[in-house]
Amino acid sequence: MELITKKSILIIAPSLIAESLSLKLTSLDNNLNISLNNSNKDITPDLIIWNILNYQSEDLIRLELLKLKERWDEANILVIF
């Protein structure tokens, strides 16, 4: 008997984009645990999808990436501009 663990994905994006992406991903694979709220301390995502619509400086993005890696050091991060 094979045990299947759910993969956890955290989506950081405007709500409409996050909800659409979440629905698309779960329709492709129902073995995903998707969170749209990064304030939940209980989750440890395997993947963080961060959608950036507007940015003012690369330094601010770099700082936010460092904060994400500090909080979830094992997670992979996909940044979408």
PDB file of N, CA and C in Angstrom:
ATOM      1  N   MET A   1       0.844  -1.181   0.000  1.00  0.00           N
ATOM      2  CA  MET A   1       0.000   0.000   0.000  1.00  0.00           C
ATOM      3  C   MET A   1       0.883   1.235   0.000  1.00  0.00           C
ATOM      4  N   GLU A   2       0.638   2.116  -0.930  1.00  0.00           N
ATOM      5  CA  GLU A   2       1.447   3.327  -1.067  1.00  0.00           C
ATOM      6  C   GLU A   2       0.743   4.497  -0.400  1.00  0.00           C
ATOM      7  N   LEU A   3       1.473   5.191   0.445  1.00  0.00           N
ATOM      8  CA  LEU A   3       0.923   6.381   1.088  1.00  0.00           C
ATOM      9  C   LEU A   3       1.229   7.593   0.238  1.00  0.00           C
ATOM     10  N   ILE A   4       0.217   8.386  -0.019  1.00  0.00           N
ATOM     11  CA  ILE A   4       0.384   9.588  -0.823  1.00  0.00           C
ATOM     12  C   ILE A   4       0.231  10.789   0.081  1.00  0.00           C
ATOM     13  N   THR A   5       1.249  11.629   0.106  1.00  0.00           N
ATOM     14  CA  THR A   5       1.156  12.840   0.901  1.00  0.00           C
ATOM     15  C   THR A   5       0.706  13.988   0.018  1.00  0.00           C
ATOM     16  N   LYS A   6      -0.120  14.812   0.584  1.00  0.00           N
ATOM     17  CA  LYS A   6      -0.592  15.972  -0.168  1.00  0.00           C
ATOM     18  C   LYS A   6       0.514  16.999  -0.249  1.00  0.00           C
ATOM     19  N   LYS A   7       0.661  17.573  -1.410  1.00  0.00           N
ATOM     20  CA  LYS A   7       1.603  18.672  -1.596  1.00  0.00           C
ATOM     21  C   LYS A   7       0.899  19.953  -1.203  1.00  0.00           C
ATOM     22  N   SER A   8       1.614  20.804  -0.515  1.00  0.00           N
ATOM     23  CA  SER A   8       1.051  22.056  -0.033  1.00  0.00           C
ATOM     24  C   SER A   8       1.579  23.220  -0.863  1.00  0.00           C
ATOM     25  N   ILE A   9       0.651  24.045  -1.340  1.00  0.00           N
ATOM     26  CA  ILE A   9       1.002  25.213  -2.138  1.00  0.00           C
ATOM     27  C   ILE A   9       0.398  26.445  -1.489  1.00  0.00           C
ATOM     28  N   LEU A  10       1.217  27.461  -1.323  1.00  0.00           N
ATOM     29  CA  LEU A  10       0.748  28.753  -0.834  1.00  0.00           C
ATOM     30  C   LEU A  10       0.744  29.709  -2.013  1.00  0.00           C
ATOM     31  N   ILE A  11      -0.403  30.352  -2.252  1.00  0.00           N
ATOM     32  CA  ILE A  11      -0.510  31.317  -3.341  1.00  0.00           C
ATOM     33  C   ILE A  11      -0.634  32.710  -2.740  1.00  0.00           C
ATOM     34  N   ILE A  12       0.305  33.571  -3.096  1.00  0.00           N
ATOM     35  CA  ILE A  12       0.271  34.970  -2.673  1.00  0.00           C
ATOM     36  C   ILE A  12      -0.021  35.788  -3.918  1.00  0.00           C
ATOM     37  N   ALA A  13      -1.248  36.285  -3.993  1.00  0.00           N
ATOM     38  CA  ALA A  13      -1.695  37.003  -5.193  1.00  0.00           C
ATOM     39  C   ALA A  13      -2.987  37.731  -4.857  1.00  0.00           C
ATOM     40  N   PRO A  14      -3.379  38.675  -5.713  1.00  0.00           N
ATOM     41  CA  PRO A  14      -4.699  39.283  -5.540  1.00  0.00           C
ATOM     42  C   PRO A  14      -5.769  38.181  -5.538  1.00  0.00           C
ATOM     43  N   SER A  15      -6.836  38.385  -4.797  1.00  0.00           N
ATOM     44  CA  SER A  15      -7.797  37.315  -4.517  1.00  0.00           C
ATOM     45  C   SER A  15      -8.371  36.643  -5.762  1.00  0.00           C
ATOM     46  N   LEU A  16      -8.740  37.390  -6.761  1.00  0.00           N
ATOM     47  CA  LEU A  16      -9.329  36.781  -7.961  1.00  0.00           C
ATOM     48  C   LEU A  16      -8.316  35.893  -8.685  1.00  0.00           C
ATOM     49  N   ILE A  17      -7.093  36.341  -8.789  1.00  0.00           N
ATOM     50  CA  ILE A  17      -6.037  35.540  -9.434  1.00  0.00           C
ATOM     51  C   ILE A  17      -5.739  34.301  -8.594  1.00  0.00           C
ATOM     52  N   ALA A  18      -5.627  34.491  -7.286  1.00  0.00           N
ATOM     53  CA  ALA A  18      -5.320  33.367  -6.389  1.00  0.00           C
ATOM     54  C   ALA A  18      -6.415  32.305  -6.435  1.00  0.00           C
ATOM     55  N   GLU A  19      -7.667  32.731  -6.399  1.00  0.00           N
ATOM     56  CA  GLU A  19      -8.779  31.777  -6.441  1.00  0.00           C
ATOM     57  C   GLU A  19      -8.839  31.048  -7.785  1.00  0.00           C
ATOM     58  N   SER A  20      -8.624  31.760  -8.874  1.00  0.00           N
ATOM     59  CA  SER A  20      -8.631  31.131 -10.200  1.00  0.00           C
ATOM     60  C   SER A  20      -7.510  30.106 -10.332  1.00  0.00           C
ATOM     61  N   LEU A  21      -6.328  30.477  -9.892  1.00  0.00           N
ATOM     62  CA  LEU A  21      -5.193  29.555  -9.952  1.00  0.00           C
ATOM     63  C   LEU A  21      -5.425  28.339  -9.062  1.00  0.00           C
ATOM     64  N   SER A  22      -5.976  28.571  -7.891  1.00  0.00           N
ATOM     65  CA  SER A  22      -6.279  27.475  -6.979  1.00  0.00           C
ATOM     66  C   SER A  22      -7.264  26.489  -7.602  1.00  0.00           C
ATOM     67  N   LEU A  23      -8.326  27.011  -8.196  1.00  0.00           N
ATOM     68  CA  LEU A  23      -9.305  26.135  -8.844  1.00  0.00           C
ATOM     69  C   LEU A  23      -8.689  25.345  -9.997  1.00  0.00           C
ATOM     70  N   LYS A  24      -7.871  26.006 -10.789  1.00  0.00           N
ATOM     71  CA  LYS A  24      -7.222  25.323 -11.916  1.00  0.00           C
ATOM     72  C   LYS A  24      -6.292  24.211 -11.433  1.00  0.00           C
ATOM     73  N   LEU A  25      -5.483  24.515 -10.424  1.00  0.00           N
ATOM     74  CA  LEU A  25      -4.538  23.516  -9.917  1.00  0.00           C
ATOM     75  C   LEU A  25      -5.249  22.325  -9.286  1.00  0.00           C
ATOM     76  N   THR A  26      -6.286  22.581  -8.497  1.00  0.00           N
ATOM     77  CA  THR A  26      -6.999  21.466  -7.869  1.00  0.00           C
ATOM     78  C   THR A  26      -7.815  20.665  -8.873  1.00  0.00           C
ATOM     79  N   SER A  27      -8.210  21.284  -9.991  1.00  0.00           N
ATOM     80  CA  SER A  27      -8.905  20.512 -11.019  1.00  0.00           C
ATOM     81  C   SER A  27      -7.941  19.575 -11.744  1.00  0.00           C
ATOM     82  N   LEU A  28      -6.672  19.946 -11.777  1.00  0.00           N
ATOM     83  CA  LEU A  28      -5.663  19.101 -12.419  1.00  0.00           C
ATOM     84  C   LEU A  28      -5.148  17.998 -11.496  1.00  0.00           C
ATOM     85  N   ASP A  29      -5.115  18.290 -10.192  1.00  0.00           N
ATOM     86  CA  ASP A  29      -4.582  17.330  -9.225  1.00  0.00           C
ATOM     87  C   ASP A  29      -5.295  17.545  -7.896  1.00  0.00           C
ATOM     88  N   ASN A  30      -6.143  16.597  -7.525  1.00  0.00           N
ATOM     89  CA  ASN A  30      -6.891  16.751  -6.278  1.00  0.00           C
ATOM     90  C   ASN A  30      -6.065  16.371  -5.051  1.00  0.00           C
ATOM     91  N   ASN A  31      -4.808  16.074  -5.238  1.00  0.00           N
ATOM     92  CA  ASN A  31      -3.914  15.735  -4.137  1.00  0.00           C
ATOM     93  C   ASN A  31      -3.096  16.955  -3.697  1.00  0.00           C
ATOM     94  N   LEU A  32      -3.660  18.144  -3.886  1.00  0.00           N
ATOM     95  CA  LEU A  32      -2.984  19.377  -3.506  1.00  0.00           C
ATOM     96  C   LEU A  32      -3.723  20.043  -2.356  1.00  0.00           C
ATOM     97  N   ASN A  33      -2.959  20.577  -1.432  1.00  0.00           N
ATOM     98  CA  ASN A  33      -3.517  21.373  -0.349  1.00  0.00           C
ATOM     99  C   ASN A  33      -3.103  22.817  -0.625  1.00  0.00           C
ATOM    100  N   ILE A  34      -4.050  23.634  -1.053  1.00  0.00           N
ATOM    101  CA  ILE A  34      -3.733  24.997  -1.467  1.00  0.00           C
ATOM    102  C   ILE A  34      -4.243  25.980  -0.430  1.00  0.00           C
ATOM    103  N   SER A  35      -3.354  26.900  -0.055  1.00  0.00           N
ATOM    104  CA  SER A  35      -3.694  27.939   0.902  1.00  0.00           C
ATOM    105  C   SER A  35      -3.554  29.296   0.235  1.00  0.00           C
ATOM    106  N   LEU A  36      -4.520  30.169   0.513  1.00  0.00           N
ATOM    107  CA  LEU A  36      -4.474  31.521  -0.037  1.00  0.00           C
ATOM    108  C   LEU A  36      -4.152  32.541   1.041  1.00  0.00           C
ATOM    109  N   ASN A  37      -3.836  32.067   2.225  1.00  0.00           N
ATOM    110  CA  ASN A  37      -3.614  32.948   3.360  1.00  0.00           C
ATOM    111  C   ASN A  37      -2.239  32.670   3.948  1.00  0.00           C
ATOM    112  N   ASN A  38      -1.307  33.601   3.767  1.00  0.00           N
ATOM    113  CA  ASN A  38       0.051  33.373   4.264  1.00  0.00           C
ATOM    114  C   ASN A  38       0.213  33.705   5.746  1.00  0.00           C
ATOM    115  N   SER A  39      -0.866  34.083   6.429  1.00  0.00           N
ATOM    116  CA  SER A  39      -0.756  34.348   7.859  1.00  0.00           C
ATOM    117  C   SER A  39      -0.969  33.076   8.675  1.00  0.00           C
ATOM    118  N   ASN A  40      -1.326  31.979   8.020  1.00  0.00           N
ATOM    119  CA  ASN A  40      -1.529  30.712   8.705  1.00  0.00           C
ATOM    120  C   ASN A  40      -0.177  30.122   9.094  1.00  0.00           C
ATOM    121  N   LYS A  41       0.075  30.061  10.376  1.00  0.00           N
ATOM    122  CA  LYS A  41       1.364  29.583  10.884  1.00  0.00           C
ATOM    123  C   LYS A  41       1.498  28.059  10.822  1.00  0.00           C
ATOM    124  N   ASP A  42       0.366  27.354  10.641  1.00  0.00           N
ATOM    125  CA  ASP A  42       0.379  25.895  10.688  1.00  0.00           C
ATOM    126  C   ASP A  42       0.852  25.244   9.405  1.00  0.00           C
ATOM    127  N   ILE A  43       0.809  25.973   8.306  1.00  0.00           N
ATOM    128  CA  ILE A  43       1.194  25.350   7.040  1.00  0.00           C
ATOM    129  C   ILE A  43       2.695  25.485   6.789  1.00  0.00           C
ATOM    130  N   THR A  44       3.222  24.504   6.122  1.00  0.00           N
ATOM    131  CA  THR A  44       4.590  24.563   5.616  1.00  0.00           C
ATOM    132  C   THR A  44       4.503  24.210   4.142  1.00  0.00           C
ATOM    133  N   PRO A  45       4.460  25.218   3.297  1.00  0.00           N
ATOM    134  CA  PRO A  45       4.252  24.936   1.870  1.00  0.00           C
ATOM    135  C   PRO A  45       5.458  24.283   1.214  1.00  0.00           C
ATOM    136  N   ASP A  46       5.167  23.414   0.254  1.00  0.00           N
ATOM    137  CA  ASP A  46       6.215  22.847  -0.586  1.00  0.00           C
ATOM    138  C   ASP A  46       6.580  23.835  -1.688  1.00  0.00           C
ATOM    139  N   LEU A  47       5.583  24.628  -2.085  1.00  0.00           N
ATOM    140  CA  LEU A  47       5.763  25.608  -3.153  1.00  0.00           C
ATOM    141  C   LEU A  47       5.011  26.880  -2.790  1.00  0.00           C
ATOM    142  N   ILE A  48       5.656  28.017  -3.009  1.00  0.00           N
ATOM    143  CA  ILE A  48       5.012  29.310  -2.844  1.00  0.00           C
ATOM    144  C   ILE A  48       4.927  29.948  -4.228  1.00  0.00           C
ATOM    145  N   ILE A  49       3.712  30.286  -4.640  1.00  0.00           N
ATOM    146  CA  ILE A  49       3.517  30.992  -5.902  1.00  0.00           C
ATOM    147  C   ILE A  49       3.194  32.430  -5.534  1.00  0.00           C
ATOM    148  N   TRP A  50       4.055  33.336  -5.964  1.00  0.00           N
ATOM    149  CA  TRP A  50       3.894  34.746  -5.628  1.00  0.00           C
ATOM    150  C   TRP A  50       3.686  35.525  -6.912  1.00  0.00           C
ATOM    151  N   ASN A  51       2.505  36.102  -7.055  1.00  0.00           N
ATOM    152  CA  ASN A  51       2.169  36.898  -8.227  1.00  0.00           C
ATOM    153  C   ASN A  51       2.345  38.371  -7.885  1.00  0.00           C
ATOM    154  N   ILE A  52       3.235  39.034  -8.610  1.00  0.00           N
ATOM    155  CA  ILE A  52       3.507  40.458  -8.381  1.00  0.00           C
ATOM    156  C   ILE A  52       2.951  41.233  -9.566  1.00  0.00           C
ATOM    157  N   LEU A  53       1.940  42.055  -9.298  1.00  0.00           N
ATOM    158  CA  LEU A  53       1.360  42.857 -10.377  1.00  0.00           C
ATOM    159  C   LEU A  53       2.125  44.157 -10.570  1.00  0.00           C
ATOM    160  N   ASN A  54       2.392  44.832  -9.487  1.00  0.00           N
ATOM    161  CA  ASN A  54       3.097  46.115  -9.549  1.00  0.00           C
ATOM    162  C   ASN A  54       4.269  46.067  -8.576  1.00  0.00           C
ATOM    163  N   TYR A  55       5.377  46.569  -9.003  1.00  0.00           N
ATOM    164  CA  TYR A  55       6.489  46.660  -8.061  1.00  0.00           C
ATOM    165  C   TYR A  55       7.225  47.968  -8.285  1.00  0.00           C
ATOM    166  N   GLN A  56       7.768  48.473  -7.190  1.00  0.00           N
ATOM    167  CA  GLN A  56       8.447  49.756  -7.252  1.00  0.00           C
ATOM    168  C   GLN A  56       9.953  49.609  -7.329  1.00  0.00           C
ATOM    169  N   SER A  57      10.465  48.550  -6.741  1.00  0.00           N
ATOM    170  CA  SER A  57      11.916  48.382  -6.806  1.00  0.00           C
ATOM    171  C   SER A  57      12.294  46.907  -6.673  1.00  0.00           C
ATOM    172  N   GLU A  58      13.379  46.567  -7.300  1.00  0.00           N
ATOM    173  CA  GLU A  58      13.897  45.204  -7.192  1.00  0.00           C
ATOM    174  C   GLU A  58      14.368  44.915  -5.778  1.00  0.00           C
ATOM    175  N   ASP A  59      14.832  45.931  -5.087  1.00  0.00           N
ATOM    176  CA  ASP A  59      15.295  45.741  -3.708  1.00  0.00           C
ATOM    177  C   ASP A  59      14.154  45.312  -2.789  1.00  0.00           C
ATOM    178  N   LEU A  60      12.950  45.880  -2.993  1.00  0.00           N
ATOM    179  CA  LEU A  60      11.808  45.486  -2.178  1.00  0.00           C
ATOM    180  C   LEU A  60      11.407  44.035  -2.447  1.00  0.00           C
ATOM    181  N   ILE A  61      11.471  43.634  -3.703  1.00  0.00           N
ATOM    182  CA  ILE A  61      11.168  42.243  -4.043  1.00  0.00           C
ATOM    183  C   ILE A  61      12.200  41.315  -3.415  1.00  0.00           C
ATOM    184  N   ARG A  62      13.457  41.682  -3.518  1.00  0.00           N
ATOM    185  CA  ARG A  62      14.531  40.884  -2.923  1.00  0.00           C
ATOM    186  C   ARG A  62      14.332  40.743  -1.416  1.00  0.00           C
ATOM    187  N   LEU A  63      13.946  41.839  -0.758  1.00  0.00           N
ATOM    188  CA  LEU A  63      13.705  41.815   0.687  1.00  0.00           C
ATOM    189  C   LEU A  63      12.537  40.890   1.031  1.00  0.00           C
ATOM    190  N   GLU A  64      11.464  40.971   0.274  1.00  0.00           N
ATOM    191  CA  GLU A  64      10.314  40.099   0.521  1.00  0.00           C
ATOM    192  C   GLU A  64      10.666  38.631   0.278  1.00  0.00           C
ATOM    193  N   LEU A  65      11.469  38.365  -0.754  1.00  0.00           N
ATOM    194  CA  LEU A  65      11.915  36.990  -1.010  1.00  0.00           C
ATOM    195  C   LEU A  65      12.740  36.451   0.153  1.00  0.00           C
ATOM    196  N   LEU A  66      13.610  37.293   0.693  1.00  0.00           N
ATOM    197  CA  LEU A  66      14.400  36.876   1.853  1.00  0.00           C
ATOM    198  C   LEU A  66      13.510  36.560   3.052  1.00  0.00           C
ATOM    199  N   LYS A  67      12.471  37.353   3.248  1.00  0.00           N
ATOM    200  CA  LYS A  67      11.536  37.103   4.347  1.00  0.00           C
ATOM    201  C   LYS A  67      10.802  35.779   4.153  1.00  0.00           C
ATOM    202  N   LEU A  68      10.374  35.516   2.913  1.00  0.00           N
ATOM    203  CA  LEU A  68       9.701  34.248   2.636  1.00  0.00           C
ATOM    204  C   LEU A  68      10.630  33.061   2.877  1.00  0.00           C
ATOM    205  N   LYS A  69      11.872  33.173   2.404  1.00  0.00           N
ATOM    206  CA  LYS A  69      12.833  32.075   2.595  1.00  0.00           C
ATOM    207  C   LYS A  69      13.200  31.895   4.072  1.00  0.00           C
ATOM    208  N   GLU A  70      13.206  32.973   4.817  1.00  0.00           N
ATOM    209  CA  GLU A  70      13.491  32.884   6.247  1.00  0.00           C
ATOM    210  C   GLU A  70      12.360  32.154   6.970  1.00  0.00           C
ATOM    211  N   ARG A  71      11.141  32.438   6.568  1.00  0.00           N
ATOM    212  CA  ARG A  71       9.974  31.827   7.228  1.00  0.00           C
ATOM    213  C   ARG A  71       9.789  30.373   6.802  1.00  0.00           C
ATOM    214  N   TRP A  72       9.940  30.112   5.491  1.00  0.00           N
ATOM    215  CA  TRP A  72       9.768  28.758   4.962  1.00  0.00           C
ATOM    216  C   TRP A  72      11.006  28.401   4.156  1.00  0.00           C
ATOM    217  N   ASP A  73      12.071  28.022   4.830  1.00  0.00           N
ATOM    218  CA  ASP A  73      13.356  27.808   4.160  1.00  0.00           C
ATOM    219  C   ASP A  73      13.372  26.597   3.234  1.00  0.00           C
ATOM    220  N   GLU A  74      12.476  25.654   3.409  1.00  0.00           N
ATOM    221  CA  GLU A  74      12.461  24.461   2.561  1.00  0.00           C
ATOM    222  C   GLU A  74      11.580  24.628   1.328  1.00  0.00           C
ATOM    223  N   ALA A  75      10.792  25.679   1.270  1.00  0.00           N
ATOM    224  CA  ALA A  75       9.838  25.852   0.172  1.00  0.00           C
ATOM    225  C   ALA A  75      10.511  26.373  -1.090  1.00  0.00           C
ATOM    226  N   ASN A  76      10.025  25.893  -2.220  1.00  0.00           N
ATOM    227  CA  ASN A  76      10.418  26.465  -3.507  1.00  0.00           C
ATOM    228  C   ASN A  76       9.522  27.663  -3.767  1.00  0.00           C
ATOM    229  N   ILE A  77      10.044  28.649  -4.469  1.00  0.00           N
ATOM    230  CA  ILE A  77       9.276  29.864  -4.725  1.00  0.00           C
ATOM    231  C   ILE A  77       9.232  30.134  -6.224  1.00  0.00           C
ATOM    232  N   LEU A  78       8.010  30.357  -6.710  1.00  0.00           N
ATOM    233  CA  LEU A  78       7.792  30.748  -8.099  1.00  0.00           C
ATOM    234  C   LEU A  78       7.251  32.169  -8.085  1.00  0.00           C
ATOM    235  N   VAL A  79       7.986  33.088  -8.696  1.00  0.00           N
ATOM    236  CA  VAL A  79       7.557  34.484  -8.761  1.00  0.00           C
ATOM    237  C   VAL A  79       7.049  34.756 -10.171  1.00  0.00           C
ATOM    238  N   ILE A  80       5.847  35.306 -10.248  1.00  0.00           N
ATOM    239  CA  ILE A  80       5.233  35.624 -11.532  1.00  0.00           C
ATOM    240  C   ILE A  80       5.057  37.129 -11.603  1.00  0.00           C
ATOM    241  N   PHE A  81       5.628  37.738 -12.633  1.00  0.00           N
ATOM    242  CA  PHE A  81       5.493  39.176 -12.829  1.00  0.00           C
ATOM    243  C   PHE A  81       4.400  39.453 -13.833  1.00  0.00           C
TER     244      PHE A  81
END
